């Protein structure tokens, strides 16, 4: 099973970072279901900004925590640093 960390951009310009095993399903949930994160429910629609595939759930959760500690600027530059 694949594990992903993702960052979405909310309609108000804020960023949300999360973990999932299915990025497409999770984005759909954020945009239209009650299983969306409380943070994103009032900030719809969200758009996928970045995702990373990791080998294990543990690696993904550690990476999620690492990203959540980053500043907004660091998060916005994450794609550049991975290129």
PDB file of N, CA and C in Angstrom:
ATOM      1  N   UNK A   1       0.844  -1.176   0.000  1.00  0.00           N
ATOM      2  CA  UNK A   1       0.000   0.000   0.000  1.00  0.00           C
ATOM      3  C   UNK A   1       0.892   1.242   0.000  1.00  0.00           C
ATOM      4  N   UNK A   2       0.540   2.198  -0.815  1.00  0.00           N
ATOM      5  CA  UNK A   2       1.287   3.455  -0.895  1.00  0.00           C
ATOM      6  C   UNK A   2       0.814   4.416   0.186  1.00  0.00           C
ATOM      7  N   UNK A   3       1.719   5.249   0.633  1.00  0.00           N
ATOM      8  CA  UNK A   3       1.421   6.252   1.651  1.00  0.00           C
ATOM      9  C   UNK A   3       1.881   7.603   1.121  1.00  0.00           C
ATOM     10  N   UNK A   4       1.052   8.613   1.291  1.00  0.00           N
ATOM     11  CA  UNK A   4       1.331   9.924   0.730  1.00  0.00           C
ATOM     12  C   UNK A   4       1.200  11.022   1.773  1.00  0.00           C
ATOM     13  N   UNK A   5       2.020  12.044   1.614  1.00  0.00           N
ATOM     14  CA  UNK A   5       1.876  13.307   2.326  1.00  0.00           C
ATOM     15  C   UNK A   5       1.501  14.307   1.239  1.00  0.00           C
ATOM     16  N   UNK A   6       0.561  15.176   1.529  1.00  0.00           N
ATOM     17  CA  UNK A   6       0.129  16.127   0.515  1.00  0.00           C
ATOM     18  C   UNK A   6      -0.058  17.511   1.123  1.00  0.00           C
ATOM     19  N   UNK A   7       0.024  18.511   0.259  1.00  0.00           N
ATOM     20  CA  UNK A   7      -0.254  19.893   0.638  1.00  0.00           C
ATOM     21  C   UNK A   7      -1.308  20.402  -0.327  1.00  0.00           C
ATOM     22  N   UNK A   8      -2.352  21.004   0.215  1.00  0.00           N
ATOM     23  CA  UNK A   8      -3.367  21.636  -0.622  1.00  0.00           C
ATOM     24  C   UNK A   8      -3.373  23.134  -0.364  1.00  0.00           C
ATOM     25  N   UNK A   9      -3.783  23.863  -1.389  1.00  0.00           N
ATOM     26  CA  UNK A   9      -3.989  25.295  -1.262  1.00  0.00           C
ATOM     27  C   UNK A   9      -5.482  25.509  -1.105  1.00  0.00           C
ATOM     28  N   UNK A  10      -5.874  26.220  -0.066  1.00  0.00           N
ATOM     29  CA  UNK A  10      -7.282  26.508   0.192  1.00  0.00           C
ATOM     30  C   UNK A  10      -7.689  27.774  -0.557  1.00  0.00           C
ATOM     31  N   UNK A  11      -8.993  27.981  -0.705  1.00  0.00           N
ATOM     32  CA  UNK A  11      -9.503  29.119  -1.449  1.00  0.00           C
ATOM     33  C   UNK A  11      -9.055  30.453  -0.834  1.00  0.00           C
ATOM     34  N   UNK A  12      -8.785  30.483   0.456  1.00  0.00           N
ATOM     35  CA  UNK A  12      -8.329  31.717   1.104  1.00  0.00           C
ATOM     36  C   UNK A  12      -6.812  31.892   1.028  1.00  0.00           C
ATOM     37  N   UNK A  13      -6.132  30.984   0.306  1.00  0.00           N
ATOM     38  CA  UNK A  13      -4.695  31.094   0.108  1.00  0.00           C
ATOM     39  C   UNK A  13      -3.854  30.384   1.147  1.00  0.00           C
ATOM     40  N   UNK A  14      -4.479  29.821   2.171  1.00  0.00           N
ATOM     41  CA  UNK A  14      -3.726  29.095   3.185  1.00  0.00           C
ATOM     42  C   UNK A  14      -3.366  27.702   2.684  1.00  0.00           C
ATOM     43  N   UNK A  15      -2.441  27.070   3.382  1.00  0.00           N
ATOM     44  CA  UNK A  15      -1.991  25.733   3.021  1.00  0.00           C
ATOM     45  C   UNK A  15      -2.398  24.745   4.103  1.00  0.00           C
ATOM     46  N   UNK A  16      -2.725  23.537   3.688  1.00  0.00           N
ATOM     47  CA  UNK A  16      -3.078  22.461   4.614  1.00  0.00           C
ATOM     48  C   UNK A  16      -2.247  21.249   4.229  1.00  0.00           C
ATOM     49  N   UNK A  17      -1.647  20.597   5.210  1.00  0.00           N
ATOM     50  CA  UNK A  17      -0.829  19.415   4.984  1.00  0.00           C
ATOM     51  C   UNK A  17      -1.496  18.212   5.632  1.00  0.00           C
ATOM     52  N   UNK A  18      -1.508  17.085   4.936  1.00  0.00           N
ATOM     53  CA  UNK A  18      -2.127  15.887   5.476  1.00  0.00           C
ATOM     54  C   UNK A  18      -1.456  14.615   4.991  1.00  0.00           C
ATOM     55  N   UNK A  19      -1.956  13.497   5.498  1.00  0.00           N
ATOM     56  CA  UNK A  19      -1.480  12.150   5.154  1.00  0.00           C
ATOM     57  C   UNK A  19      -2.656  11.346   4.616  1.00  0.00           C
ATOM     58  N   UNK A  20      -2.409  10.488   3.639  1.00  0.00           N
ATOM     59  CA  UNK A  20      -3.454   9.623   3.092  1.00  0.00           C
ATOM     60  C   UNK A  20      -2.827   8.442   2.361  1.00  0.00           C
ATOM     61  N   UNK A  21      -3.667   7.478   2.029  1.00  0.00           N
ATOM     62  CA  UNK A  21      -3.239   6.383   1.169  1.00  0.00           C
ATOM     63  C   UNK A  21      -3.782   6.561  -0.252  1.00  0.00           C
ATOM     64  N   UNK A  22      -4.652   7.564  -0.454  1.00  0.00           N
ATOM     65  CA  UNK A  22      -5.253   7.827  -1.760  1.00  0.00           C
ATOM     66  C   UNK A  22      -5.466   9.334  -1.901  1.00  0.00           C
ATOM     67  N   UNK A  23      -4.563   9.988  -2.607  1.00  0.00           N
ATOM     68  CA  UNK A  23      -4.599  11.450  -2.711  1.00  0.00           C
ATOM     69  C   UNK A  23      -5.869  11.939  -3.407  1.00  0.00           C
ATOM     70  N   UNK A  24      -6.241  11.340  -4.520  1.00  0.00           N
ATOM     71  CA  UNK A  24      -7.426  11.786  -5.253  1.00  0.00           C
ATOM     72  C   UNK A  24      -8.689  11.694  -4.390  1.00  0.00           C
ATOM     73  N   UNK A  25      -8.846  10.579  -3.688  1.00  0.00           N
ATOM     74  CA  UNK A  25     -10.007  10.415  -2.809  1.00  0.00           C
ATOM     75  C   UNK A  25     -10.015  11.473  -1.723  1.00  0.00           C
ATOM     76  N   UNK A  26      -8.846  11.731  -1.146  1.00  0.00           N
ATOM     77  CA  UNK A  26      -8.775  12.688  -0.038  1.00  0.00           C
ATOM     78  C   UNK A  26      -9.087  14.111  -0.499  1.00  0.00           C
ATOM     79  N   UNK A  27      -8.651  14.484  -1.690  1.00  0.00           N
ATOM     80  CA  UNK A  27      -8.963  15.814  -2.219  1.00  0.00           C
ATOM     81  C   UNK A  27     -10.466  15.932  -2.443  1.00  0.00           C
ATOM     82  N   UNK A  28     -11.080  14.885  -2.975  1.00  0.00           N
ATOM     83  CA  UNK A  28     -12.533  14.869  -3.156  1.00  0.00           C
ATOM     84  C   UNK A  28     -13.229  15.026  -1.815  1.00  0.00           C
ATOM     85  N   UNK A  29     -12.750  14.343  -0.794  1.00  0.00           N
ATOM     86  CA  UNK A  29     -13.337  14.472   0.542  1.00  0.00           C
ATOM     87  C   UNK A  29     -13.190  15.897   1.071  1.00  0.00           C
ATOM     88  N   UNK A  30     -12.032  16.480   0.895  1.00  0.00           N
ATOM     89  CA  UNK A  30     -11.825  17.857   1.354  1.00  0.00           C
ATOM     90  C   UNK A  30     -12.780  18.827   0.665  1.00  0.00           C
ATOM     91  N   UNK A  31     -13.108  18.541  -0.578  1.00  0.00           N
ATOM     92  CA  UNK A  31     -13.930  19.465  -1.351  1.00  0.00           C
ATOM     93  C   UNK A  31     -15.429  19.245  -1.256  1.00  0.00           C
ATOM     94  N   UNK A  32     -15.885  18.179  -0.637  1.00  0.00           N
ATOM     95  CA  UNK A  32     -17.320  18.017  -0.676  1.00  0.00           C
ATOM     96  C   UNK A  32     -17.967  17.051   0.277  1.00  0.00           C
ATOM     97  N   UNK A  33     -17.246  16.550   1.244  1.00  0.00           N
ATOM     98  CA  UNK A  33     -17.872  15.601   2.152  1.00  0.00           C
ATOM     99  C   UNK A  33     -17.675  16.026   3.599  1.00  0.00           C
ATOM    100  N   UNK A  34     -18.380  15.356   4.466  1.00  0.00           N
ATOM    101  CA  UNK A  34     -18.253  15.651   5.895  1.00  0.00           C
ATOM    102  C   UNK A  34     -16.993  15.029   6.497  1.00  0.00           C
ATOM    103  N   UNK A  35     -16.282  14.206   5.718  1.00  0.00           N
ATOM    104  CA  UNK A  35     -15.046  13.616   6.214  1.00  0.00           C
ATOM    105  C   UNK A  35     -13.845  14.525   5.959  1.00  0.00           C
ATOM    106  N   UNK A  36     -14.104  15.714   5.440  1.00  0.00           N
ATOM    107  CA  UNK A  36     -13.026  16.689   5.235  1.00  0.00           C
ATOM    108  C   UNK A  36     -12.485  17.122   6.587  1.00  0.00           C
ATOM    109  N   UNK A  37     -11.249  17.541   6.587  1.00  0.00           N
ATOM    110  CA  UNK A  37     -10.672  18.084   7.809  1.00  0.00           C
ATOM    111  C   UNK A  37     -11.450  19.338   8.200  1.00  0.00           C
ATOM    112  N   UNK A  38     -11.614  19.544   9.473  1.00  0.00           N
ATOM    113  CA  UNK A  38     -12.353  20.707   9.962  1.00  0.00           C
ATOM    114  C   UNK A  38     -11.770  22.001   9.387  1.00  0.00           C
ATOM    115  N   UNK A  39     -10.459  22.057   9.283  1.00  0.00           N
ATOM    116  CA  UNK A  39      -9.787  23.246   8.766  1.00  0.00           C
ATOM    117  C   UNK A  39     -10.218  23.560   7.337  1.00  0.00           C
ATOM    118  N   UNK A  40     -10.341  22.535   6.485  1.00  0.00           N
ATOM    119  CA  UNK A  40     -10.630  22.791   5.070  1.00  0.00           C
ATOM    120  C   UNK A  40     -12.115  22.946   4.770  1.00  0.00           C
ATOM    121  N   UNK A  41     -12.989  22.532   5.673  1.00  0.00           N
ATOM    122  CA  UNK A  41     -14.433  22.611   5.398  1.00  0.00           C
ATOM    123  C   UNK A  41     -14.897  24.029   5.086  1.00  0.00           C
ATOM    124  N   UNK A  42     -14.343  25.014   5.752  1.00  0.00           N
ATOM    125  CA  UNK A  42     -14.730  26.401   5.512  1.00  0.00           C
ATOM    126  C   UNK A  42     -13.844  27.109   4.517  1.00  0.00           C
ATOM    127  N   UNK A  43     -12.948  26.367   3.870  1.00  0.00           N
ATOM    128  CA  UNK A  43     -11.994  26.969   2.947  1.00  0.00           C
ATOM    129  C   UNK A  43     -12.003  26.266   1.592  1.00  0.00           C
ATOM    130  N   UNK A  44     -13.153  25.823   1.183  1.00  0.00           N
ATOM    131  CA  UNK A  44     -13.292  25.102  -0.085  1.00  0.00           C
ATOM    132  C   UNK A  44     -13.458  26.083  -1.237  1.00  0.00           C
ATOM    133  N   UNK A  45     -13.064  25.710  -2.420  1.00  0.00           N
ATOM    134  CA  UNK A  45     -12.436  24.433  -2.789  1.00  0.00           C
ATOM    135  C   UNK A  45     -10.937  24.463  -2.508  1.00  0.00           C
ATOM    136  N   UNK A  46     -10.393  23.267  -2.333  1.00  0.00           N
ATOM    137  CA  UNK A  46      -8.946  23.131  -2.171  1.00  0.00           C
ATOM    138  C   UNK A  46      -8.373  22.565  -3.465  1.00  0.00           C
ATOM    139  N   UNK A  47      -7.106  22.878  -3.721  1.00  0.00           N
ATOM    140  CA  UNK A  47      -6.412  22.356  -4.905  1.00  0.00           C
ATOM    141  C   UNK A  47      -5.116  21.709  -4.445  1.00  0.00           C
ATOM    142  N   UNK A  48      -4.810  20.574  -5.027  1.00  0.00           N
ATOM    143  CA  UNK A  48      -3.571  19.888  -4.696  1.00  0.00           C
ATOM    144  C   UNK A  48      -2.391  20.737  -5.129  1.00  0.00           C
ATOM    145  N   UNK A  49      -1.484  20.994  -4.208  1.00  0.00           N
ATOM    146  CA  UNK A  49      -0.280  21.772  -4.484  1.00  0.00           C
ATOM    147  C   UNK A  49       0.938  20.858  -4.619  1.00  0.00           C
ATOM    148  N   UNK A  50       1.003  19.840  -3.762  1.00  0.00           N
ATOM    149  CA  UNK A  50       2.177  18.979  -3.731  1.00  0.00           C
ATOM    150  C   UNK A  50       1.819  17.637  -3.080  1.00  0.00           C
ATOM    151  N   UNK A  51       2.442  16.569  -3.546  1.00  0.00           N
ATOM    152  CA  UNK A  51       2.305  15.275  -2.865  1.00  0.00           C
ATOM    153  C   UNK A  51       3.616  14.510  -2.976  1.00  0.00           C
ATOM    154  N   UNK A  52       3.866  13.688  -1.978  1.00  0.00           N
ATOM    155  CA  UNK A  52       5.055  12.838  -1.945  1.00  0.00           C
ATOM    156  C   UNK A  52       4.632  11.423  -1.587  1.00  0.00           C
ATOM    157  N   UNK A  53       5.155  10.462  -2.326  1.00  0.00           N
ATOM    158  CA  UNK A  53       4.894   9.053  -2.034  1.00  0.00           C
ATOM    159  C   UNK A  53       6.016   8.540  -1.148  1.00  0.00           C
ATOM    160  N   UNK A  54       5.646   7.888  -0.051  1.00  0.00           N
ATOM    161  CA  UNK A  54       6.631   7.352   0.880  1.00  0.00           C
ATOM    162  C   UNK A  54       6.404   5.857   1.076  1.00  0.00           C
ATOM    163  N   UNK A  55       7.449   5.175   1.495  1.00  0.00           N
ATOM    164  CA  UNK A  55       7.427   3.710   1.562  1.00  0.00           C
ATOM    165  C   UNK A  55       6.522   3.156   2.656  1.00  0.00           C
ATOM    166  N   UNK A  56       6.492   3.798   3.807  1.00  0.00           N
ATOM    167  CA  UNK A  56       5.719   3.257   4.922  1.00  0.00           C
ATOM    168  C   UNK A  56       4.865   4.339   5.560  1.00  0.00           C
ATOM    169  N   UNK A  57       3.901   3.915   6.337  1.00  0.00           N
ATOM    170  CA  UNK A  57       3.047   4.854   7.059  1.00  0.00           C
ATOM    171  C   UNK A  57       3.884   5.694   8.023  1.00  0.00           C
ATOM    172  N   UNK A  58       4.819   5.065   8.687  1.00  0.00           N
ATOM    173  CA  UNK A  58       5.686   5.769   9.623  1.00  0.00           C
ATOM    174  C   UNK A  58       6.494   6.866   8.957  1.00  0.00           C
ATOM    175  N   UNK A  59       7.069   6.547   7.792  1.00  0.00           N
ATOM    176  CA  UNK A  59       7.824   7.560   7.050  1.00  0.00           C
ATOM    177  C   UNK A  59       6.911   8.710   6.643  1.00  0.00           C
ATOM    178  N   UNK A  60       5.722   8.392   6.195  1.00  0.00           N
ATOM    179  CA  UNK A  60       4.783   9.427   5.759  1.00  0.00           C
ATOM    180  C   UNK A  60       4.365  10.331   6.919  1.00  0.00           C
ATOM    181  N   UNK A  61       4.091   9.735   8.063  1.00  0.00           N
ATOM    182  CA  UNK A  61       3.679  10.539   9.216  1.00  0.00           C
ATOM    183  C   UNK A  61       4.821  11.407   9.735  1.00  0.00           C
ATOM    184  N   UNK A  62       6.042  10.903   9.672  1.00  0.00           N
ATOM    185  CA  UNK A  62       7.195  11.720  10.071  1.00  0.00           C
ATOM    186  C   UNK A  62       7.396  12.885   9.101  1.00  0.00           C
ATOM    187  N   UNK A  63       7.229  12.610   7.809  1.00  0.00           N
ATOM    188  CA  UNK A  63       7.372  13.668   6.796  1.00  0.00           C
ATOM    189  C   UNK A  63       6.264  14.707   6.954  1.00  0.00           C
ATOM    190  N   UNK A  64       5.050  14.255   7.249  1.00  0.00           N
ATOM    191  CA  UNK A  64       3.947  15.187   7.484  1.00  0.00           C
ATOM    192  C   UNK A  64       4.293  16.126   8.643  1.00  0.00           C
ATOM    193  N   UNK A  65       4.792  15.586   9.737  1.00  0.00           N
ATOM    194  CA  UNK A  65       5.169  16.400  10.890  1.00  0.00           C
ATOM    195  C   UNK A  65       6.280  17.385  10.521  1.00  0.00           C
ATOM    196  N   UNK A  66       7.231  16.921   9.726  1.00  0.00           N
ATOM    197  CA  UNK A  66       8.334  17.776   9.285  1.00  0.00           C
ATOM    198  C   UNK A  66       7.807  18.954   8.453  1.00  0.00           C
ATOM    199  N   UNK A  67       6.911  18.672   7.527  1.00  0.00           N
ATOM    200  CA  UNK A  67       6.350  19.719   6.675  1.00  0.00           C
ATOM    201  C   UNK A  67       5.522  20.697   7.501  1.00  0.00           C
ATOM    202  N   UNK A  68       4.742  20.191   8.440  1.00  0.00           N
ATOM    203  CA  UNK A  68       3.904  21.071   9.257  1.00  0.00           C
ATOM    204  C   UNK A  68       4.730  22.051  10.086  1.00  0.00           C
ATOM    205  N   UNK A  69       5.971  21.712  10.373  1.00  0.00           N
ATOM    206  CA  UNK A  69       6.851  22.614  11.117  1.00  0.00           C
ATOM    207  C   UNK A  69       7.472  23.689  10.232  1.00  0.00           C
ATOM    208  N   UNK A  70       7.378  23.524   8.914  1.00  0.00           N
ATOM    209  CA  UNK A  70       7.975  24.483   7.982  1.00  0.00           C
ATOM    210  C   UNK A  70       7.176  25.778   7.950  1.00  0.00           C
ATOM    211  N   UNK A  71       7.862  26.847   7.580  1.00  0.00           N
ATOM    212  CA  UNK A  71       7.182  28.119   7.366  1.00  0.00           C
ATOM    213  C   UNK A  71       6.421  28.048   6.043  1.00  0.00           C
ATOM    214  N   UNK A  72       5.545  29.002   5.843  1.00  0.00           N
ATOM    215  CA  UNK A  72       4.787  29.063   4.591  1.00  0.00           C
ATOM    216  C   UNK A  72       5.733  29.147   3.387  1.00  0.00           C
ATOM    217  N   UNK A  73       6.751  29.996   3.483  1.00  0.00           N
ATOM    218  CA  UNK A  73       7.712  30.169   2.391  1.00  0.00           C
ATOM    219  C   UNK A  73       8.418  28.848   2.090  1.00  0.00           C
ATOM    220  N   UNK A  74       8.833  28.129   3.130  1.00  0.00           N
ATOM    221  CA  UNK A  74       9.485  26.836   2.925  1.00  0.00           C
ATOM    222  C   UNK A  74       8.546  25.856   2.240  1.00  0.00           C
ATOM    223  N   UNK A  75       7.269  25.858   2.632  1.00  0.00           N
ATOM    224  CA  UNK A  75       6.296  24.970   1.999  1.00  0.00           C
ATOM    225  C   UNK A  75       6.098  25.330   0.528  1.00  0.00           C
ATOM    226  N   UNK A  76       6.036  26.624   0.230  1.00  0.00           N
ATOM    227  CA  UNK A  76       5.850  27.057  -1.154  1.00  0.00           C
ATOM    228  C   UNK A  76       7.068  26.719  -2.015  1.00  0.00           C
ATOM    229  N   UNK A  77       8.225  26.637  -1.402  1.00  0.00           N
ATOM    230  CA  UNK A  77       9.467  26.309  -2.129  1.00  0.00           C
ATOM    231  C   UNK A  77       9.780  24.827  -2.125  1.00  0.00           C
ATOM    232  N   UNK A  78       8.925  24.001  -1.577  1.00  0.00           N
ATOM    233  CA  UNK A  78       9.200  22.575  -1.434  1.00  0.00           C
ATOM    234  C   UNK A  78       9.414  21.892  -2.788  1.00  0.00           C
ATOM    235  N   UNK A  79       8.682  22.279  -3.800  1.00  0.00           N
ATOM    236  CA  UNK A  79       8.847  21.658  -5.124  1.00  0.00           C
ATOM    237  C   UNK A  79      10.215  21.987  -5.699  1.00  0.00           C
ATOM    238  N   UNK A  80      10.659  23.224  -5.508  1.00  0.00           N
ATOM    239  CA  UNK A  80      11.970  23.632  -6.022  1.00  0.00           C
ATOM    240  C   UNK A  80      13.086  22.839  -5.358  1.00  0.00           C
ATOM    241  N   UNK A  81      12.952  22.604  -4.064  1.00  0.00           N
ATOM    242  CA  UNK A  81      14.006  21.896  -3.338  1.00  0.00           C
ATOM    243  C   UNK A  81      14.048  20.405  -3.683  1.00  0.00           C
ATOM    244  N   UNK A  82      12.962  19.855  -4.178  1.00  0.00           N
ATOM    245  CA  UNK A  82      12.927  18.431  -4.545  1.00  0.00           C
ATOM    246  C   UNK A  82      13.322  18.195  -5.985  1.00  0.00           C
ATOM    247  N   UNK A  83      13.410  19.249  -6.767  1.00  0.00           N
ATOM    248  CA  UNK A  83      13.764  19.113  -8.202  1.00  0.00           C
ATOM    249  C   UNK A  83      15.224  18.798  -8.408  1.00  0.00           C
TER     250      UNK A  83
END
